[in-house]
């Protein structure tokens, strides 16, 4: 399907005129107040989508327990947000880098600069999934504020045809990516502060949804104890200190002892588990 025919199928709220006029004539104070006014609409829009997010998380957990992965796909801001969320999973939860993968139209170069027409290739996303040996246990989540990105639409269509769980995250209702997805997550935040600039409210809404998905999945996969990141990668002094404090609190031991067992085991969870086992 050609990009023009896709975008003409429905009304894009994300492209409607901003309700704030003459921005170039306003004071910095007024601009900030009005942006904040718009931003406060985002959490409520996300709240409306919680039932769909819940359904998606339940399905992802079942699949990841059988070795499945999460693949995010998007272009521009949406693609960058997917890559960002995926990149934070290993350090935060100690999961392997292949557990959650972010794919962006145009590849790594597109993380820093726009790659012309990359998002218009409706076949490339599926090719990238095939290169990564996609299976029926994986979950494909297409992210597009507009809901029309051919790179995402084409990938979701092929994934669903091959029996793979698909989900969409869009800021327009009844979008083309939603039509191709089994689970449709719409976070309708209204027109942007700057007309059509979906890096603003739409991007914020998408990031909140991604946070909810992976955080809840990781908790349900046992990567958190209580409310502590016991599987985090200890790759700087701040995180080492946090790990020591978690061990002290969990085991009721002093700083020096907590430091020693953390250095021995290299992981907060392993240190806690080993200490408790020794005392059984």
C-alpha atoms as a PDB file:
ATOM      1  CA  UNK A   1       0.000   0.000   0.000  1.00  0.00           C
ATOM      2  CA  UNK A   2       1.427   3.394  -0.971  1.00  0.00           C
ATOM      3  CA  UNK A   3       2.091   5.951   1.788  1.00  0.00           C
ATOM      4  CA  UNK A   4      -0.363   8.467   0.317  1.00  0.00           C
ATOM      5  CA  UNK A   5      -3.228   5.980   0.191  1.00  0.00           C
ATOM      6  CA  UNK A   6      -2.506   4.932   3.784  1.00  0.00           C
ATOM      7  CA  UNK A   7      -2.518   8.461   5.166  1.00  0.00           C
ATOM      8  CA  UNK A   8      -5.733   9.387   3.388  1.00  0.00           C
ATOM      9  CA  UNK A   9      -7.815   6.645   4.991  1.00  0.00           C
ATOM     10  CA  UNK A  10      -8.643   8.420   8.250  1.00  0.00           C
ATOM     11  CA  UNK A  11      -8.397  11.724  10.096  1.00  0.00           C
ATOM     12  CA  UNK A  12      -5.097  12.259  11.854  1.00  0.00           C
ATOM     13  CA  UNK A  13      -5.659  14.070  15.124  1.00  0.00           C
ATOM     14  CA  UNK A  14      -1.890  14.376  15.457  1.00  0.00           C
ATOM     15  CA  UNK A  15      -1.855  16.608  12.370  1.00  0.00           C
ATOM     16  CA  UNK A  16      -4.675  18.912  13.413  1.00  0.00           C
ATOM     17  CA  UNK A  17      -3.924  22.562  14.156  1.00  0.00           C
ATOM     18  CA  UNK A  18      -2.628  23.432  17.598  1.00  0.00           C
ATOM     19  CA  UNK A  19      -5.137  25.203  19.836  1.00  0.00           C
ATOM     20  CA  UNK A  20      -2.328  27.604  20.779  1.00  0.00           C
ATOM     21  CA  UNK A  21      -1.826  30.402  18.256  1.00  0.00           C
ATOM     22  CA  UNK A  22       0.863  33.018  17.590  1.00  0.00           C
ATOM     23  CA  UNK A  23       3.530  31.093  19.470  1.00  0.00           C
ATOM     24  CA  UNK A  24       6.251  33.287  18.006  1.00  0.00           C
ATOM     25  CA  UNK A  25       4.677  36.326  19.664  1.00  0.00           C
ATOM     26  CA  UNK A  26       4.405  34.889  23.179  1.00  0.00           C
ATOM     27  CA  UNK A  27       6.711  35.267  26.168  1.00  0.00           C
ATOM     28  CA  UNK A  28       8.889  32.400  27.372  1.00  0.00           C
ATOM     29  CA  UNK A  29       6.757  32.177  30.514  1.00  0.00           C
ATOM     30  CA  UNK A  30       3.522  31.833  28.544  1.00  0.00           C
ATOM     31  CA  UNK A  31       5.041  29.268  26.186  1.00  0.00           C
ATOM     32  CA  UNK A  32       6.156  27.115  29.101  1.00  0.00           C
ATOM     33  CA  UNK A  33       2.794  27.375  30.845  1.00  0.00           C
ATOM     34  CA  UNK A  34       0.892  26.407  27.712  1.00  0.00           C
ATOM     35  CA  UNK A  35       3.229  23.492  26.967  1.00  0.00           C
ATOM     36  CA  UNK A  36       2.713  22.256  30.510  1.00  0.00           C
ATOM     37  CA  UNK A  37      -1.028  22.611  30.037  1.00  0.00           C
ATOM     38  CA  UNK A  38      -0.824  20.288  27.044  1.00  0.00           C
ATOM     39  CA  UNK A  39       1.532  17.828  28.762  1.00  0.00           C
ATOM     40  CA  UNK A  40      -0.940  17.312  31.600  1.00  0.00           C
ATOM     41  CA  UNK A  41      -3.337  15.723  29.103  1.00  0.00           C
ATOM     42  CA  UNK A  42      -0.942  12.845  28.465  1.00  0.00           C
ATOM     43  CA  UNK A  43      -1.331  10.715  31.642  1.00  0.00           C
ATOM     44  CA  UNK A  44      -5.114  10.660  31.290  1.00  0.00           C
ATOM     45  CA  UNK A  45      -4.838   9.481  27.684  1.00  0.00           C
ATOM     46  CA  UNK A  46      -2.445   6.736  28.772  1.00  0.00           C
ATOM     47  CA  UNK A  47      -4.799   5.705  31.596  1.00  0.00           C
ATOM     48  CA  UNK A  48      -7.552   5.076  29.045  1.00  0.00           C
ATOM     49  CA  UNK A  49      -5.315   2.510  27.339  1.00  0.00           C
ATOM     50  CA  UNK A  50      -4.458   0.455  30.441  1.00  0.00           C
ATOM     51  CA  UNK A  51      -6.852  -2.451  29.583  1.00  0.00           C
ATOM     52  CA  UNK A  52      -5.103  -2.952  26.241  1.00  0.00           C
ATOM     53  CA  UNK A  53      -1.636  -2.631  27.804  1.00  0.00           C
ATOM     54  CA  UNK A  54      -2.632  -5.203  30.419  1.00  0.00           C
ATOM     55  CA  UNK A  55      -3.753  -7.641  27.738  1.00  0.00           C
ATOM     56  CA  UNK A  56      -0.458  -7.178  25.888  1.00  0.00           C
ATOM     57  CA  UNK A  57       1.681  -7.684  29.001  1.00  0.00           C
ATOM     58  CA  UNK A  58      -0.163 -10.881  29.919  1.00  0.00           C
ATOM     59  CA  UNK A  59       0.536 -12.299  26.476  1.00  0.00           C
ATOM     60  CA  UNK A  60       4.166 -11.185  26.422  1.00  0.00           C
ATOM     61  CA  UNK A  61       4.938 -12.776  29.791  1.00  0.00           C
ATOM     62  CA  UNK A  62       3.615 -16.143  28.606  1.00  0.00           C
ATOM     63  CA  UNK A  63       5.750 -15.963  25.477  1.00  0.00           C
ATOM     64  CA  UNK A  64       8.929 -14.743  27.144  1.00  0.00           C
ATOM     65  CA  UNK A  65       8.722 -17.618  29.640  1.00  0.00           C
ATOM     66  CA  UNK A  66       9.044 -19.850  26.578  1.00  0.00           C
ATOM     67  CA  UNK A  67      12.030 -17.964  25.176  1.00  0.00           C
ATOM     68  CA  UNK A  68      10.192 -15.249  23.263  1.00  0.00           C
ATOM     69  CA  UNK A  69      11.432 -11.716  22.719  1.00  0.00           C
ATOM     70  CA  UNK A  70       9.931  -8.261  22.287  1.00  0.00           C
ATOM     71  CA  UNK A  71      10.616  -6.399  19.051  1.00  0.00           C
ATOM     72  CA  UNK A  72       9.799  -2.704  18.797  1.00  0.00           C
ATOM     73  CA  UNK A  73       9.538  -1.177  15.329  1.00  0.00           C
ATOM     74  CA  UNK A  74       9.188   2.480  14.449  1.00  0.00           C
ATOM     75  CA  UNK A  75      10.533   5.415  12.482  1.00  0.00           C
ATOM     76  CA  UNK A  76      11.779   8.808  13.624  1.00  0.00           C
ATOM     77  CA  UNK A  77      10.869   9.690  17.208  1.00  0.00           C
ATOM     78  CA  UNK A  78       8.791   6.532  17.619  1.00  0.00           C
ATOM     79  CA  UNK A  79      11.678   4.343  16.485  1.00  0.00           C
ATOM     80  CA  UNK A  80      14.133   6.127  18.761  1.00  0.00           C
ATOM     81  CA  UNK A  81      11.845   5.640  21.749  1.00  0.00           C
ATOM     82  CA  UNK A  82      11.657   1.910  21.046  1.00  0.00           C
ATOM     83  CA  UNK A  83      15.444   1.653  20.806  1.00  0.00           C
ATOM     84  CA  UNK A  84      15.804   3.685  24.011  1.00  0.00           C
ATOM     85  CA  UNK A  85      13.445   1.462  25.975  1.00  0.00           C
ATOM     86  CA  UNK A  86      15.097  -1.710  24.671  1.00  0.00           C
ATOM     87  CA  UNK A  87      18.586  -0.422  25.507  1.00  0.00           C
ATOM     88  CA  UNK A  88      17.616   0.162  29.143  1.00  0.00           C
ATOM     89  CA  UNK A  89      16.472  -3.404  29.823  1.00  0.00           C
ATOM     90  CA  UNK A  90      19.894  -5.088  30.256  1.00  0.00           C
ATOM     91  CA  UNK A  91      21.320  -2.546  32.752  1.00  0.00           C
ATOM     92  CA  UNK A  92      18.076  -2.202  34.701  1.00  0.00           C
ATOM     93  CA  UNK A  93      16.952  -5.823  34.845  1.00  0.00           C
ATOM     94  CA  UNK A  94      20.052  -7.836  33.922  1.00  0.00           C
ATOM     95  CA  UNK A  95      18.370  -9.355  30.879  1.00  0.00           C
ATOM     96  CA  UNK A  96      20.354 -10.251  27.745  1.00  0.00           C
ATOM     97  CA  UNK A  97      20.404  -7.608  25.026  1.00  0.00           C
ATOM     98  CA  UNK A  98      18.399  -9.824  22.663  1.00  0.00           C
ATOM     99  CA  UNK A  99      15.396 -10.073  25.026  1.00  0.00           C
ATOM    100  CA  UNK A 100      14.001  -6.700  23.962  1.00  0.00           C
ATOM    101  CA  UNK A 101      15.109  -5.318  20.599  1.00  0.00           C
ATOM    102  CA  UNK A 102      14.409  -1.910  19.110  1.00  0.00           C
ATOM    103  CA  UNK A 103      14.407  -1.601  15.330  1.00  0.00           C
ATOM    104  CA  UNK A 104      14.270   1.802  13.647  1.00  0.00           C
ATOM    105  CA  UNK A 105      13.661   2.516   9.967  1.00  0.00           C
ATOM    106  CA  UNK A 106      17.012   3.440   8.463  1.00  0.00           C
ATOM    107  CA  UNK A 107      19.080   1.565  11.036  1.00  0.00           C
ATOM    108  CA  UNK A 108      21.518   3.018  13.580  1.00  0.00           C
ATOM    109  CA  UNK A 109      22.202   6.107  11.471  1.00  0.00           C
ATOM    110  CA  UNK A 110      18.545   7.095  11.930  1.00  0.00           C
ATOM    111  CA  UNK A 111      19.079   7.359  15.684  1.00  0.00           C
ATOM    112  CA  UNK A 112      21.046  10.559  15.125  1.00  0.00           C
ATOM    113  CA  UNK A 113      19.701  11.969  11.864  1.00  0.00           C
ATOM    114  CA  UNK A 114      16.775  11.523   9.520  1.00  0.00           C
ATOM    115  CA  UNK A 115      17.221   8.894   6.801  1.00  0.00           C
ATOM    116  CA  UNK A 116      15.165   9.926   3.791  1.00  0.00           C
ATOM    117  CA  UNK A 117      12.341   7.586   2.768  1.00  0.00           C
ATOM    118  CA  UNK A 118      13.498   4.781   5.127  1.00  0.00           C
ATOM    119  CA  UNK A 119      10.065   4.702   6.760  1.00  0.00           C
ATOM    120  CA  UNK A 120       8.369   4.316   3.371  1.00  0.00           C
ATOM    121  CA  UNK A 121       9.797   0.814   2.831  1.00  0.00           C
ATOM    122  CA  UNK A 122       7.005  -1.548   3.885  1.00  0.00           C
ATOM    123  CA  UNK A 123       9.138  -4.686   3.428  1.00  0.00           C
ATOM    124  CA  UNK A 124      12.315  -3.819   5.321  1.00  0.00           C
ATOM    125  CA  UNK A 125      10.989  -4.347   8.847  1.00  0.00           C
ATOM    126  CA  UNK A 126       9.925  -7.913   8.152  1.00  0.00           C
ATOM    127  CA  UNK A 127      13.295  -8.585   6.487  1.00  0.00           C
ATOM    128  CA  UNK A 128      15.028  -7.379   9.652  1.00  0.00           C
ATOM    129  CA  UNK A 129      12.904  -9.714  11.756  1.00  0.00           C
ATOM    130  CA  UNK A 130      13.738 -12.664   9.505  1.00  0.00           C
ATOM    131  CA  UNK A 131      17.435 -11.778   9.875  1.00  0.00           C
ATOM    132  CA  UNK A 132      16.928 -12.098  13.634  1.00  0.00           C
ATOM    133  CA  UNK A 133      15.171 -15.470  13.353  1.00  0.00           C
ATOM    134  CA  UNK A 134      11.781 -14.261  14.533  1.00  0.00           C
ATOM    135  CA  UNK A 135       9.573 -17.018  15.981  1.00  0.00           C
ATOM    136  CA  UNK A 136       5.961 -17.533  17.059  1.00  0.00           C
ATOM    137  CA  UNK A 137       6.997 -16.901  20.682  1.00  0.00           C
ATOM    138  CA  UNK A 138       8.120 -13.349  19.908  1.00  0.00           C
ATOM    139  CA  UNK A 139       5.967 -10.231  20.129  1.00  0.00           C
ATOM    140  CA  UNK A 140       6.089  -7.457  17.539  1.00  0.00           C
ATOM    141  CA  UNK A 141       5.081  -3.981  18.728  1.00  0.00           C
ATOM    142  CA  UNK A 142       4.704  -1.315  16.068  1.00  0.00           C
ATOM    143  CA  UNK A 143       5.067   2.272  17.252  1.00  0.00           C
ATOM    144  CA  UNK A 144       3.855   5.194  15.129  1.00  0.00           C
ATOM    145  CA  UNK A 145       2.302   8.391  16.426  1.00  0.00           C
ATOM    146  CA  UNK A 146       0.528   8.908  13.102  1.00  0.00           C
ATOM    147  CA  UNK A 147      -0.364   5.237  12.799  1.00  0.00           C
ATOM    148  CA  UNK A 148       0.471   5.301   9.103  1.00  0.00           C
ATOM    149  CA  UNK A 149       4.206   4.505   8.816  1.00  0.00           C
ATOM    150  CA  UNK A 150       4.594   1.940   5.971  1.00  0.00           C
ATOM    151  CA  UNK A 151       7.693   0.412   7.624  1.00  0.00           C
ATOM    152  CA  UNK A 152       5.505  -0.475  10.609  1.00  0.00           C
ATOM    153  CA  UNK A 153       2.273  -1.275   8.759  1.00  0.00           C
ATOM    154  CA  UNK A 154       3.988  -3.751   6.427  1.00  0.00           C
ATOM    155  CA  UNK A 155       5.867  -5.469   9.236  1.00  0.00           C
ATOM    156  CA  UNK A 156       2.805  -5.948  11.409  1.00  0.00           C
ATOM    157  CA  UNK A 157       0.882  -7.373   8.468  1.00  0.00           C
ATOM    158  CA  UNK A 158       3.573  -9.969   7.687  1.00  0.00           C
ATOM    159  CA  UNK A 159       4.075 -10.854  11.346  1.00  0.00           C
ATOM    160  CA  UNK A 160       0.378 -11.460  11.886  1.00  0.00           C
ATOM    161  CA  UNK A 161       0.156 -13.510   8.705  1.00  0.00           C
ATOM    162  CA  UNK A 162       2.881 -15.713  10.190  1.00  0.00           C
ATOM    163  CA  UNK A 163       1.062 -16.253  13.483  1.00  0.00           C
ATOM    164  CA  UNK A 164       3.174 -13.901  15.586  1.00  0.00           C
ATOM    165  CA  UNK A 165       1.576 -11.733  18.280  1.00  0.00           C
ATOM    166  CA  UNK A 166       1.349  -8.120  17.113  1.00  0.00           C
ATOM    167  CA  UNK A 167       0.514  -4.893  18.914  1.00  0.00           C
ATOM    168  CA  UNK A 168       0.344  -1.261  17.869  1.00  0.00           C
ATOM    169  CA  UNK A 169       0.938   1.996  19.743  1.00  0.00           C
ATOM    170  CA  UNK A 170      -0.534   5.026  18.004  1.00  0.00           C
ATOM    171  CA  UNK A 171      -1.857   8.464  18.900  1.00  0.00           C
ATOM    172  CA  UNK A 172      -4.639   8.350  16.314  1.00  0.00           C
ATOM    173  CA  UNK A 173      -7.696   6.080  16.662  1.00  0.00           C
ATOM    174  CA  UNK A 174      -8.555   3.542  13.936  1.00  0.00           C
ATOM    175  CA  UNK A 175      -5.139   3.868  12.325  1.00  0.00           C
ATOM    176  CA  UNK A 176      -3.646   1.574   9.649  1.00  0.00           C
ATOM    177  CA  UNK A 177      -1.169   0.064  12.112  1.00  0.00           C
ATOM    178  CA  UNK A 178      -4.055  -0.718  14.467  1.00  0.00           C
ATOM    179  CA  UNK A 179      -5.842  -2.531  11.640  1.00  0.00           C
ATOM    180  CA  UNK A 180      -2.823  -4.824  11.288  1.00  0.00           C
ATOM    181  CA  UNK A 181      -2.346  -5.447  15.030  1.00  0.00           C
ATOM    182  CA  UNK A 182      -3.984  -8.030  17.260  1.00  0.00           C
ATOM    183  CA  UNK A 183      -3.757  -5.719  20.284  1.00  0.00           C
ATOM    184  CA  UNK A 184      -4.352  -2.026  19.591  1.00  0.00           C
ATOM    185  CA  UNK A 185      -3.100   0.608  22.040  1.00  0.00           C
ATOM    186  CA  UNK A 186      -4.354   4.099  21.208  1.00  0.00           C
ATOM    187  CA  UNK A 187      -3.189   7.028  23.321  1.00  0.00           C
ATOM    188  CA  UNK A 188      -5.049   9.977  21.839  1.00  0.00           C
ATOM    189  CA  UNK A 189      -3.470  13.121  23.266  1.00  0.00           C
ATOM    190  CA  UNK A 190      -4.985  15.595  20.816  1.00  0.00           C
ATOM    191  CA  UNK A 191      -3.280  18.163  18.559  1.00  0.00           C
ATOM    192  CA  UNK A 192       0.316  19.004  19.416  1.00  0.00           C
ATOM    193  CA  UNK A 193       1.489  22.306  20.926  1.00  0.00           C
ATOM    194  CA  UNK A 194       3.338  22.929  17.659  1.00  0.00           C
ATOM    195  CA  UNK A 195       1.094  21.616  14.907  1.00  0.00           C
ATOM    196  CA  UNK A 196       2.179  18.120  13.859  1.00  0.00           C
ATOM    197  CA  UNK A 197       5.245  17.955  16.138  1.00  0.00           C
ATOM    198  CA  UNK A 198       4.699  14.455  17.531  1.00  0.00           C
ATOM    199  CA  UNK A 199       8.001  14.505  19.417  1.00  0.00           C
ATOM    200  CA  UNK A 200       5.987  16.387  22.059  1.00  0.00           C
ATOM    201  CA  UNK A 201       2.818  14.929  23.640  1.00  0.00           C
ATOM    202  CA  UNK A 202       2.689  11.899  21.366  1.00  0.00           C
ATOM    203  CA  UNK A 203       6.298  11.008  22.107  1.00  0.00           C
ATOM    204  CA  UNK A 204       5.724  11.422  25.827  1.00  0.00           C
ATOM    205  CA  UNK A 205       2.650   9.196  25.706  1.00  0.00           C
ATOM    206  CA  UNK A 206       4.497   6.508  23.771  1.00  0.00           C
ATOM    207  CA  UNK A 207       7.387   6.548  26.250  1.00  0.00           C
ATOM    208  CA  UNK A 208       4.984   6.135  29.174  1.00  0.00           C
ATOM    209  CA  UNK A 209       3.362   3.135  27.493  1.00  0.00           C
ATOM    210  CA  UNK A 210       6.735   1.535  26.737  1.00  0.00           C
ATOM    211  CA  UNK A 211       7.769   2.061  30.362  1.00  0.00           C
ATOM    212  CA  UNK A 212       4.598   0.293  31.487  1.00  0.00           C
ATOM    213  CA  UNK A 213       5.037  -2.642  29.132  1.00  0.00           C
ATOM    214  CA  UNK A 214       8.639  -3.598  29.850  1.00  0.00           C
ATOM    215  CA  UNK A 215       8.631  -2.700  33.541  1.00  0.00           C
ATOM    216  CA  UNK A 216       5.546  -4.816  34.231  1.00  0.00           C
ATOM    217  CA  UNK A 217       6.837  -7.681  32.092  1.00  0.00           C
ATOM    218  CA  UNK A 218      10.172  -7.700  33.924  1.00  0.00           C
ATOM    219  CA  UNK A 219       8.487  -7.668  37.334  1.00  0.00           C
ATOM    220  CA  UNK A 220       6.320 -10.630  36.311  1.00  0.00           C
ATOM    221  CA  UNK A 221       9.417 -12.463  35.042  1.00  0.00           C
ATOM    222  CA  UNK A 222      10.939 -12.184  38.520  1.00  0.00           C
ATOM    223  CA  UNK A 223      13.574  -9.576  37.743  1.00  0.00           C
ATOM    224  CA  UNK A 224      12.564  -7.425  40.753  1.00  0.00           C
ATOM    225  CA  UNK A 225      12.514  -8.345  44.452  1.00  0.00           C
ATOM    226  CA  UNK A 226       9.939  -6.274  46.310  1.00  0.00           C
ATOM    227  CA  UNK A 227      10.594  -2.938  44.656  1.00  0.00           C
ATOM    228  CA  UNK A 228      14.357  -3.346  44.237  1.00  0.00           C
ATOM    229  CA  UNK A 229      16.456  -3.791  41.072  1.00  0.00           C
ATOM    230  CA  UNK A 230      18.316  -6.843  42.328  1.00  0.00           C
ATOM    231  CA  UNK A 231      19.332  -7.893  38.796  1.00  0.00           C
ATOM    232  CA  UNK A 232      20.734  -4.533  37.663  1.00  0.00           C
ATOM    233  CA  UNK A 233      24.181  -4.390  36.084  1.00  0.00           C
ATOM    234  CA  UNK A 234      26.686  -2.956  38.550  1.00  0.00           C
ATOM    235  CA  UNK A 235      28.710  -0.947  36.043  1.00  0.00           C
ATOM    236  CA  UNK A 236      29.393   2.259  37.981  1.00  0.00           C
ATOM    237  CA  UNK A 237      29.990   3.453  41.545  1.00  0.00           C
ATOM    238  CA  UNK A 238      26.447   4.774  41.965  1.00  0.00           C
ATOM    239  CA  UNK A 239      24.956   1.390  41.120  1.00  0.00           C
ATOM    240  CA  UNK A 240      27.484  -0.443  43.293  1.00  0.00           C
ATOM    241  CA  UNK A 241      26.456   1.747  46.207  1.00  0.00           C
ATOM    242  CA  UNK A 242      22.777   1.100  45.497  1.00  0.00           C
ATOM    243  CA  UNK A 243      23.436  -2.635  45.381  1.00  0.00           C
ATOM    244  CA  UNK A 244      25.244  -2.566  48.719  1.00  0.00           C
ATOM    245  CA  UNK A 245      22.395  -0.670  50.341  1.00  0.00           C
ATOM    246  CA  UNK A 246      19.838  -3.153  48.984  1.00  0.00           C
ATOM    247  CA  UNK A 247      21.815  -6.057  50.440  1.00  0.00           C
ATOM    248  CA  UNK A 248      22.190  -4.310  53.808  1.00  0.00           C
ATOM    249  CA  UNK A 249      18.470  -3.653  53.987  1.00  0.00           C
ATOM    250  CA  UNK A 250      17.420  -7.106  52.812  1.00  0.00           C
ATOM    251  CA  UNK A 251      19.812  -9.078  55.026  1.00  0.00           C
ATOM    252  CA  UNK A 252      20.239  -6.746  57.996  1.00  0.00           C
ATOM    253  CA  UNK A 253      24.024  -6.703  57.736  1.00  0.00           C
ATOM    254  CA  UNK A 254      26.629  -3.939  57.914  1.00  0.00           C
ATOM    255  CA  UNK A 255      28.148  -2.062  54.969  1.00  0.00           C
ATOM    256  CA  UNK A 256      31.474  -3.897  54.958  1.00  0.00           C
ATOM    257  CA  UNK A 257      29.862  -7.319  54.993  1.00  0.00           C
ATOM    258  CA  UNK A 258      27.404  -6.366  52.241  1.00  0.00           C
ATOM    259  CA  UNK A 259      30.255  -5.021  50.117  1.00  0.00           C
ATOM    260  CA  UNK A 260      32.266  -8.208  50.511  1.00  0.00           C
ATOM    261  CA  UNK A 261      29.490 -10.586  49.483  1.00  0.00           C
ATOM    262  CA  UNK A 262      28.536  -8.364  46.552  1.00  0.00           C
ATOM    263  CA  UNK A 263      32.131  -8.394  45.287  1.00  0.00           C
ATOM    264  CA  UNK A 264      32.229 -12.162  45.646  1.00  0.00           C
ATOM    265  CA  UNK A 265      28.995 -12.863  43.792  1.00  0.00           C
ATOM    266  CA  UNK A 266      28.875  -9.880  41.389  1.00  0.00           C
ATOM    267  CA  UNK A 267      25.090  -9.592  41.574  1.00  0.00           C
ATOM    268  CA  UNK A 268      22.722  -8.315  44.227  1.00  0.00           C
ATOM    269  CA  UNK A 269      20.324 -11.223  43.736  1.00  0.00           C
ATOM    270  CA  UNK A 270      23.084 -13.846  43.759  1.00  0.00           C
ATOM    271  CA  UNK A 271      24.616 -12.293  46.861  1.00  0.00           C
ATOM    272  CA  UNK A 272      21.286 -12.285  48.731  1.00  0.00           C
ATOM    273  CA  UNK A 273      20.395 -15.806  47.642  1.00  0.00           C
ATOM    274  CA  UNK A 274      23.839 -17.174  48.589  1.00  0.00           C
ATOM    275  CA  UNK A 275      23.789 -15.514  51.990  1.00  0.00           C
ATOM    276  CA  UNK A 276      20.331 -16.906  52.800  1.00  0.00           C
ATOM    277  CA  UNK A 277      21.280 -20.381  51.581  1.00  0.00           C
ATOM    278  CA  UNK A 278      24.342 -20.474  53.824  1.00  0.00           C
ATOM    279  CA  UNK A 279      22.114 -19.801  56.812  1.00  0.00           C
ATOM    280  CA  UNK A 280      19.404 -22.322  56.083  1.00  0.00           C
END
